[in-house]
Amino acid sequence: MAQGPLAKKFKGSVNKRIINKSKSNSNNSSSHGLGPKKGARSIAPKKQSLIKQKKMHKKLTAAINKNIEQVIASRAEAVDGGQKFSIIKLNSDKDTDKS
């Protein structure tokens, strides 16, 4: 049995509530989408010392990678018989036109 007085039915108001609920549910579910999100799953550090460490680590990694590329280029140049060895990037059109 109902605990309180029965609600009076008004024409049109029930239909509006049903329509509004269905619209809000469809908007929320479609914006989130199904499946996993793209991108890296890392939480950014909030402490200044951790931020500095992360920055330094990134710079060191870039420097090491650059050094490795230079060493490999020099070895390839030596094997090639002294010809100029250049790394061609696929993104730029200028480098591909010259070679």
C-alpha atoms as a PDB file:
ATOM      1  CA  MET A   1       0.000   0.000   0.000  1.00  0.00           C
ATOM      2  CA  ALA A   2       1.072   3.555  -0.607  1.00  0.00           C
ATOM      3  CA  GLN A   3       2.544   5.447   2.335  1.00  0.00           C
ATOM      4  CA  GLY A   4       1.305   8.847   1.247  1.00  0.00           C
ATOM      5  CA  PRO A   5      -1.512  10.343  -0.750  1.00  0.00           C
ATOM      6  CA  LEU A   6      -1.837   9.225  -4.358  1.00  0.00           C
ATOM      7  CA  ALA A   7      -0.315  11.551  -6.925  1.00  0.00           C
ATOM      8  CA  LYS A   8      -2.697  13.126  -9.357  1.00  0.00           C
ATOM      9  CA  LYS A   9      -2.077  12.378 -13.001  1.00  0.00           C
ATOM     10  CA  PHE A  10      -1.731  15.364 -15.286  1.00  0.00           C
ATOM     11  CA  LYS A  11      -1.992  15.112 -19.016  1.00  0.00           C
ATOM     12  CA  GLY A  12       1.310  15.605 -20.813  1.00  0.00           C
ATOM     13  CA  SER A  13       3.550  15.947 -17.760  1.00  0.00           C
ATOM     14  CA  VAL A  14       4.260  12.224 -17.510  1.00  0.00           C
ATOM     15  CA  ASN A  15       5.147  12.061 -21.181  1.00  0.00           C
ATOM     16  CA  LYS A  16       7.566  14.985 -20.824  1.00  0.00           C
ATOM     17  CA  ARG A  17       9.306  13.301 -17.896  1.00  0.00           C
ATOM     18  CA  ILE A  18       9.726  10.081 -19.826  1.00  0.00           C
ATOM     19  CA  ILE A  19      11.048  11.925 -22.882  1.00  0.00           C
ATOM     20  CA  ASN A  20      13.491  13.996 -20.784  1.00  0.00           C
ATOM     21  CA  LYS A  21      14.815  10.896 -19.007  1.00  0.00           C
ATOM     22  CA  SER A  22      15.336   9.018 -22.243  1.00  0.00           C
ATOM     23  CA  LYS A  23      17.146  11.986 -23.827  1.00  0.00           C
ATOM     24  CA  SER A  24      19.477  12.473 -20.873  1.00  0.00           C
ATOM     25  CA  ASN A  25      20.323   8.775 -20.684  1.00  0.00           C
ATOM     26  CA  SER A  26      21.077   8.514 -24.385  1.00  0.00           C
ATOM     27  CA  ASN A  27      23.331  11.605 -24.321  1.00  0.00           C
ATOM     28  CA  ASN A  28      25.332  10.377 -21.343  1.00  0.00           C
ATOM     29  CA  SER A  29      25.880   6.878 -22.639  1.00  0.00           C
ATOM     30  CA  SER A  30      26.872   7.923 -26.164  1.00  0.00           C
ATOM     31  CA  SER A  31      29.438  10.495 -25.021  1.00  0.00           C
ATOM     32  CA  HIS A  32      31.376   7.973 -22.939  1.00  0.00           C
ATOM     33  CA  GLY A  33      31.420   5.270 -25.579  1.00  0.00           C
ATOM     34  CA  LEU A  34      32.369   1.657 -25.180  1.00  0.00           C
ATOM     35  CA  GLY A  35      35.796   0.138 -24.904  1.00  0.00           C
ATOM     36  CA  PRO A  36      39.085   1.299 -23.410  1.00  0.00           C
ATOM     37  CA  LYS A  37      40.349   4.845 -23.686  1.00  0.00           C
ATOM     38  CA  LYS A  38      43.290   5.671 -25.922  1.00  0.00           C
ATOM     39  CA  GLY A  39      46.570   7.053 -24.643  1.00  0.00           C
ATOM     40  CA  ALA A  40      48.997   6.514 -21.821  1.00  0.00           C
ATOM     41  CA  ARG A  41      47.731   5.629 -18.371  1.00  0.00           C
ATOM     42  CA  SER A  42      49.991   7.662 -16.133  1.00  0.00           C
ATOM     43  CA  ILE A  43      49.145   9.928 -13.248  1.00  0.00           C
ATOM     44  CA  ALA A  44      51.051  13.209 -13.335  1.00  0.00           C
ATOM     45  CA  PRO A  45      53.142  13.870 -10.204  1.00  0.00           C
ATOM     46  CA  LYS A  46      52.065  16.693  -7.929  1.00  0.00           C
ATOM     47  CA  LYS A  47      55.262  17.210  -5.929  1.00  0.00           C
ATOM     48  CA  GLN A  48      57.875  19.582  -7.338  1.00  0.00           C
ATOM     49  CA  SER A  49      60.758  17.160  -6.776  1.00  0.00           C
ATOM     50  CA  LEU A  50      59.005  14.449  -8.778  1.00  0.00           C
ATOM     51  CA  ILE A  51      58.228  16.908 -11.566  1.00  0.00           C
ATOM     52  CA  LYS A  52      61.912  17.901 -11.767  1.00  0.00           C
ATOM     53  CA  GLN A  53      62.966  14.247 -11.823  1.00  0.00           C
ATOM     54  CA  LYS A  54      60.557  13.473 -14.637  1.00  0.00           C
ATOM     55  CA  LYS A  55      61.787  16.476 -16.664  1.00  0.00           C
ATOM     56  CA  MET A  56      65.416  15.470 -16.196  1.00  0.00           C
ATOM     57  CA  HIS A  57      64.649  11.860 -17.108  1.00  0.00           C
ATOM     58  CA  LYS A  58      62.963  13.000 -20.317  1.00  0.00           C
ATOM     59  CA  LYS A  59      65.939  15.202 -21.302  1.00  0.00           C
ATOM     60  CA  LEU A  60      68.433  12.426 -20.560  1.00  0.00           C
ATOM     61  CA  THR A  61      66.440   9.921 -22.596  1.00  0.00           C
ATOM     62  CA  ALA A  62      66.337  12.315 -25.545  1.00  0.00           C
ATOM     63  CA  ALA A  63      70.086  12.943 -25.308  1.00  0.00           C
ATOM     64  CA  ILE A  64      70.866   9.217 -25.138  1.00  0.00           C
ATOM     65  CA  ASN A  65      68.660   8.477 -28.146  1.00  0.00           C
ATOM     66  CA  LYS A  66      70.301  11.281 -30.136  1.00  0.00           C
ATOM     67  CA  ASN A  67      73.752   9.955 -29.268  1.00  0.00           C
ATOM     68  CA  ILE A  68      72.799   6.422 -30.304  1.00  0.00           C
ATOM     69  CA  GLU A  69      71.498   7.706 -33.650  1.00  0.00           C
ATOM     70  CA  GLN A  70      74.770   9.579 -34.266  1.00  0.00           C
ATOM     71  CA  VAL A  71      76.839   6.481 -33.490  1.00  0.00           C
ATOM     72  CA  ILE A  72      74.755   4.314 -35.802  1.00  0.00           C
ATOM     73  CA  ALA A  73      74.975   6.942 -38.560  1.00  0.00           C
ATOM     74  CA  SER A  74      78.768   7.113 -38.255  1.00  0.00           C
ATOM     75  CA  ARG A  75      79.064   3.315 -38.393  1.00  0.00           C
ATOM     76  CA  ALA A  76      76.803   3.127 -41.441  1.00  0.00           C
ATOM     77  CA  GLU A  77      78.831   5.867 -43.126  1.00  0.00           C
ATOM     78  CA  ALA A  78      82.057   3.971 -42.466  1.00  0.00           C
ATOM     79  CA  VAL A  79      80.617   0.749 -43.876  1.00  0.00           C
ATOM     80  CA  ASP A  80      79.167   2.522 -46.913  1.00  0.00           C
ATOM     81  CA  GLY A  81      82.646   3.523 -48.089  1.00  0.00           C
ATOM     82  CA  GLY A  82      82.803   7.155 -47.066  1.00  0.00           C
ATOM     83  CA  GLN A  83      79.640   8.301 -48.803  1.00  0.00           C
ATOM     84  CA  LYS A  84      77.470  10.821 -47.045  1.00  0.00           C
ATOM     85  CA  PHE A  85      74.883   9.086 -44.890  1.00  0.00           C
ATOM     86  CA  SER A  86      71.724  10.994 -43.994  1.00  0.00           C
ATOM     87  CA  ILE A  87      68.638  10.005 -42.092  1.00  0.00           C
ATOM     88  CA  ILE A  88      65.542  10.717 -44.171  1.00  0.00           C
ATOM     89  CA  LYS A  89      62.421  11.679 -42.303  1.00  0.00           C
ATOM     90  CA  LEU A  90      59.189  10.586 -43.959  1.00  0.00           C
ATOM     91  CA  ASN A  91      57.185  13.562 -42.677  1.00  0.00           C
ATOM     92  CA  SER A  92      59.060  16.299 -44.535  1.00  0.00           C
ATOM     93  CA  ASP A  93      58.818  16.594 -48.316  1.00  0.00           C
ATOM     94  CA  LYS A  94      62.027  18.659 -48.658  1.00  0.00           C
ATOM     95  CA  ASP A  95      64.314  15.815 -47.532  1.00  0.00           C
ATOM     96  CA  THR A  96      62.744  13.282 -49.887  1.00  0.00           C
ATOM     97  CA  ASP A  97      63.091  15.607 -52.904  1.00  0.00           C
ATOM     98  CA  LYS A  98      66.863  16.002 -52.383  1.00  0.00           C
ATOM     99  CA  SER A  99      67.619  12.283 -52.296  1.00  0.00           C
END
